[in-house]
Amino acid sequence: MNYYRISRNNLALLRSAGIGISLDDFGTGYSSLGYLSSLAVDELKIDKIFIDDIGTTHGAAIVQVIIEFFYMKPLHRVETIG
């Protein structure tokens, strides 16, 4: 069984019913840009571990890439405050 395909279809059904989809703690656990690139979500909440490191060049670059990636999608909001 393809859980990713089922999840993607279920999220699409929820969105078509007017329910907003939010991804919380993005960047931890099973987060994957490959999988998430095709999910339709309304809001992205970047995990605090990345936000805490935003004062460094490396940390800021990671957060910037995540935000830019998701602004290329039909996404309504990105939250970066922990």
N, C-alpha and C. Protein backbone atom coordinates (compact mmCIF):
# COMPACT_ATOMS: atom_id res chain seq x y z
N MET A 1 0.84 -1.17 0.00
CA MET A 1 0.00 0.00 0.00
C MET A 1 0.89 1.25 0.00
N ASN A 2 0.54 2.21 -0.78
CA ASN A 2 1.33 3.43 -0.89
C ASN A 2 0.74 4.50 0.03
N TYR A 3 1.26 4.60 1.26
CA TYR A 3 0.72 5.54 2.25
C TYR A 3 0.88 6.99 1.81
N TYR A 4 1.96 7.27 1.11
CA TYR A 4 2.17 8.65 0.63
C TYR A 4 1.07 9.04 -0.34
N ARG A 5 0.75 8.17 -1.28
CA ARG A 5 -0.30 8.47 -2.27
C ARG A 5 -1.65 8.64 -1.59
N ILE A 6 -1.95 7.78 -0.63
CA ILE A 6 -3.21 7.88 0.10
C ILE A 6 -3.27 9.19 0.88
N SER A 7 -2.18 9.52 1.55
CA SER A 7 -2.13 10.77 2.32
C SER A 7 -2.31 11.98 1.41
N ARG A 8 -1.62 11.98 0.30
CA ARG A 8 -1.72 13.09 -0.66
C ARG A 8 -3.15 13.26 -1.15
N ASN A 9 -3.80 12.14 -1.47
CA ASN A 9 -5.19 12.20 -1.94
C ASN A 9 -6.13 12.68 -0.84
N ASN A 10 -5.92 12.21 0.39
CA ASN A 10 -6.77 12.64 1.50
C ASN A 10 -6.60 14.13 1.78
N LEU A 11 -5.37 14.62 1.73
CA LEU A 11 -5.14 16.06 1.92
C LEU A 11 -5.83 16.87 0.83
N ALA A 12 -5.77 16.40 -0.39
CA ALA A 12 -6.43 17.09 -1.50
C ALA A 12 -7.94 17.12 -1.29
N LEU A 13 -8.52 16.03 -0.82
CA LEU A 13 -9.96 15.99 -0.54
C LEU A 13 -10.34 16.98 0.57
N LEU A 14 -9.54 17.03 1.62
CA LEU A 14 -9.80 17.97 2.70
C LEU A 14 -9.73 19.42 2.20
N ARG A 15 -8.72 19.72 1.41
CA ARG A 15 -8.58 21.09 0.88
C ARG A 15 -9.74 21.45 -0.03
N SER A 16 -10.19 20.48 -0.84
CA SER A 16 -11.31 20.76 -1.75
C SER A 16 -12.61 20.98 -0.97
N ALA A 17 -12.67 20.50 0.27
CA ALA A 17 -13.83 20.72 1.13
C ALA A 17 -13.70 22.04 1.91
N GLY A 18 -12.63 22.80 1.66
CA GLY A 18 -12.44 24.09 2.31
C GLY A 18 -11.68 24.03 3.61
N ILE A 19 -11.07 22.89 3.92
CA ILE A 19 -10.31 22.74 5.15
C ILE A 19 -8.84 23.08 4.86
N GLY A 20 -8.29 23.99 5.64
CA GLY A 20 -6.89 24.37 5.46
C GLY A 20 -5.95 23.31 6.03
N ILE A 21 -4.82 23.14 5.37
CA ILE A 21 -3.83 22.14 5.78
C ILE A 21 -2.57 22.86 6.24
N SER A 22 -2.09 22.50 7.43
CA SER A 22 -0.88 23.09 7.98
C SER A 22 0.12 22.00 8.30
N LEU A 23 1.38 22.20 7.90
CA LEU A 23 2.46 21.30 8.27
C LEU A 23 3.21 21.92 9.43
N ASP A 24 3.23 21.22 10.55
CA ASP A 24 3.87 21.74 11.76
C ASP A 24 5.22 21.04 11.96
N ASP A 25 6.16 21.74 12.56
CA ASP A 25 7.49 21.20 12.85
C ASP A 25 8.20 20.71 11.59
N PHE A 26 8.07 21.44 10.49
CA PHE A 26 8.71 21.01 9.26
C PHE A 26 10.21 20.97 9.45
N GLY A 27 10.81 19.90 8.98
CA GLY A 27 12.26 19.74 9.05
C GLY A 27 12.68 18.68 10.04
N THR A 28 11.73 18.09 10.75
CA THR A 28 12.05 17.03 11.71
C THR A 28 11.36 15.74 11.29
N GLY A 29 11.76 14.65 11.87
CA GLY A 29 11.10 13.37 11.62
C GLY A 29 11.20 12.93 10.18
N TYR A 30 10.06 12.72 9.57
CA TYR A 30 10.01 12.18 8.21
C TYR A 30 9.86 13.27 7.14
N SER A 31 10.20 14.50 7.46
CA SER A 31 10.12 15.57 6.47
C SER A 31 11.03 15.28 5.30
N SER A 32 10.52 15.46 4.12
CA SER A 32 11.30 15.25 2.91
C SER A 32 10.84 16.23 1.85
N LEU A 33 11.76 17.01 1.32
CA LEU A 33 11.38 17.93 0.25
C LEU A 33 10.85 17.17 -0.95
N GLY A 34 11.36 15.98 -1.18
CA GLY A 34 10.87 15.16 -2.29
C GLY A 34 9.41 14.83 -2.16
N TYR A 35 9.00 14.37 -0.99
CA TYR A 35 7.59 14.05 -0.77
C TYR A 35 6.73 15.30 -0.67
N LEU A 36 7.22 16.26 0.09
CA LEU A 36 6.40 17.43 0.37
C LEU A 36 6.24 18.36 -0.82
N SER A 37 7.08 18.20 -1.82
CA SER A 37 6.97 19.08 -2.98
C SER A 37 5.66 18.92 -3.72
N SER A 38 4.99 17.78 -3.55
CA SER A 38 3.73 17.59 -4.27
C SER A 38 2.51 17.65 -3.35
N LEU A 39 2.70 17.96 -2.09
CA LEU A 39 1.56 18.08 -1.18
C LEU A 39 1.01 19.50 -1.23
N ALA A 40 -0.30 19.61 -1.27
CA ALA A 40 -0.95 20.92 -1.27
C ALA A 40 -1.23 21.32 0.17
N VAL A 41 -0.51 22.30 0.67
CA VAL A 41 -0.70 22.78 2.03
C VAL A 41 -0.91 24.28 2.02
N ASP A 42 -1.56 24.79 3.07
CA ASP A 42 -1.85 26.21 3.17
C ASP A 42 -0.87 26.95 4.06
N GLU A 43 -0.25 26.23 4.98
CA GLU A 43 0.61 26.86 5.96
C GLU A 43 1.75 25.92 6.32
N LEU A 44 2.93 26.49 6.48
CA LEU A 44 4.11 25.73 6.84
C LEU A 44 4.70 26.32 8.11
N LYS A 45 4.92 25.49 9.12
CA LYS A 45 5.55 25.95 10.35
C LYS A 45 6.91 25.27 10.44
N ILE A 46 7.96 26.06 10.30
CA ILE A 46 9.32 25.53 10.31
C ILE A 46 9.70 25.20 11.75
N ASP A 47 10.32 24.05 11.94
CA ASP A 47 10.67 23.59 13.28
C ASP A 47 11.60 24.57 13.99
N LYS A 48 11.41 24.67 15.29
CA LYS A 48 12.16 25.59 16.13
C LYS A 48 13.67 25.36 16.07
N ILE A 49 14.10 24.15 15.83
CA ILE A 49 15.54 23.87 15.77
C ILE A 49 16.22 24.70 14.67
N PHE A 50 15.51 24.96 13.58
CA PHE A 50 16.06 25.78 12.49
C PHE A 50 15.97 27.26 12.84
N ILE A 51 14.86 27.65 13.47
CA ILE A 51 14.66 29.05 13.82
C ILE A 51 15.68 29.49 14.87
N ASP A 52 15.98 28.60 15.82
CA ASP A 52 16.97 28.93 16.85
C ASP A 52 18.35 29.18 16.27
N ASP A 53 18.62 28.63 15.10
CA ASP A 53 19.93 28.74 14.46
C ASP A 53 19.95 29.81 13.36
N ILE A 54 18.88 30.60 13.25
CA ILE A 54 18.75 31.54 12.14
C ILE A 54 19.77 32.70 12.22
N GLY A 55 20.36 32.89 13.39
CA GLY A 55 21.36 33.95 13.55
C GLY A 55 22.71 33.62 12.93
N THR A 56 22.89 32.37 12.49
CA THR A 56 24.14 31.99 11.84
C THR A 56 23.95 32.00 10.33
N THR A 57 25.03 32.11 9.61
CA THR A 57 24.94 32.10 8.14
C THR A 57 24.32 30.81 7.64
N HIS A 58 24.77 29.70 8.19
CA HIS A 58 24.27 28.39 7.77
C HIS A 58 22.78 28.23 8.11
N GLY A 59 22.40 28.60 9.33
CA GLY A 59 21.01 28.48 9.75
C GLY A 59 20.08 29.37 8.93
N ALA A 60 20.52 30.60 8.68
CA ALA A 60 19.71 31.52 7.88
C ALA A 60 19.53 31.00 6.46
N ALA A 61 20.58 30.39 5.91
CA ALA A 61 20.51 29.85 4.55
C ALA A 61 19.50 28.70 4.48
N ILE A 62 19.51 27.83 5.49
CA ILE A 62 18.57 26.71 5.49
C ILE A 62 17.13 27.22 5.54
N VAL A 63 16.85 28.15 6.44
CA VAL A 63 15.49 28.69 6.56
C VAL A 63 15.09 29.39 5.26
N GLN A 64 16.01 30.14 4.67
CA GLN A 64 15.70 30.85 3.43
C GLN A 64 15.35 29.86 2.31
N VAL A 65 16.09 28.78 2.19
CA VAL A 65 15.82 27.78 1.16
C VAL A 65 14.45 27.14 1.37
N ILE A 66 14.13 26.81 2.62
CA ILE A 66 12.82 26.22 2.91
C ILE A 66 11.70 27.18 2.52
N ILE A 67 11.83 28.44 2.91
CA ILE A 67 10.79 29.43 2.60
C ILE A 67 10.67 29.63 1.09
N GLU A 68 11.79 29.80 0.40
CA GLU A 68 11.74 30.00 -1.04
C GLU A 68 11.15 28.80 -1.75
N PHE A 69 11.49 27.61 -1.30
CA PHE A 69 10.94 26.39 -1.90
C PHE A 69 9.42 26.38 -1.80
N PHE A 70 8.90 26.70 -0.63
CA PHE A 70 7.46 26.64 -0.45
C PHE A 70 6.72 27.83 -1.04
N TYR A 71 7.38 28.96 -1.22
CA TYR A 71 6.71 30.07 -1.91
C TYR A 71 6.59 29.81 -3.40
N MET A 72 7.30 28.82 -3.92
CA MET A 72 7.15 28.43 -5.32
C MET A 72 5.90 27.59 -5.50
N LYS A 73 5.31 27.12 -4.41
CA LYS A 73 4.10 26.32 -4.42
C LYS A 73 2.91 27.22 -4.08
N PRO A 74 1.69 26.72 -4.30
CA PRO A 74 0.51 27.50 -3.89
C PRO A 74 0.31 27.42 -2.38
N LEU A 75 1.16 28.14 -1.65
CA LEU A 75 1.14 28.10 -0.19
C LEU A 75 0.74 29.47 0.31
N HIS A 76 -0.06 29.53 1.33
CA HIS A 76 -0.55 30.81 1.81
C HIS A 76 0.28 31.45 2.90
N ARG A 77 0.94 30.64 3.74
CA ARG A 77 1.62 31.23 4.89
C ARG A 77 2.79 30.36 5.35
N VAL A 78 3.89 31.01 5.69
CA VAL A 78 5.03 30.33 6.29
C VAL A 78 5.28 30.97 7.65
N GLU A 79 5.32 30.15 8.71
CA GLU A 79 5.57 30.66 10.06
C GLU A 79 6.98 30.29 10.46
N THR A 80 7.74 31.29 10.87
CA THR A 80 9.13 31.03 11.25
C THR A 80 9.41 31.39 12.69
N ILE A 81 8.42 31.82 13.43
CA ILE A 81 8.62 32.19 14.82
C ILE A 81 8.27 31.00 15.69
N GLY A 82 9.24 30.54 16.53
CA GLY A 82 9.08 29.35 17.36
C GLY A 82 8.10 29.47 18.44
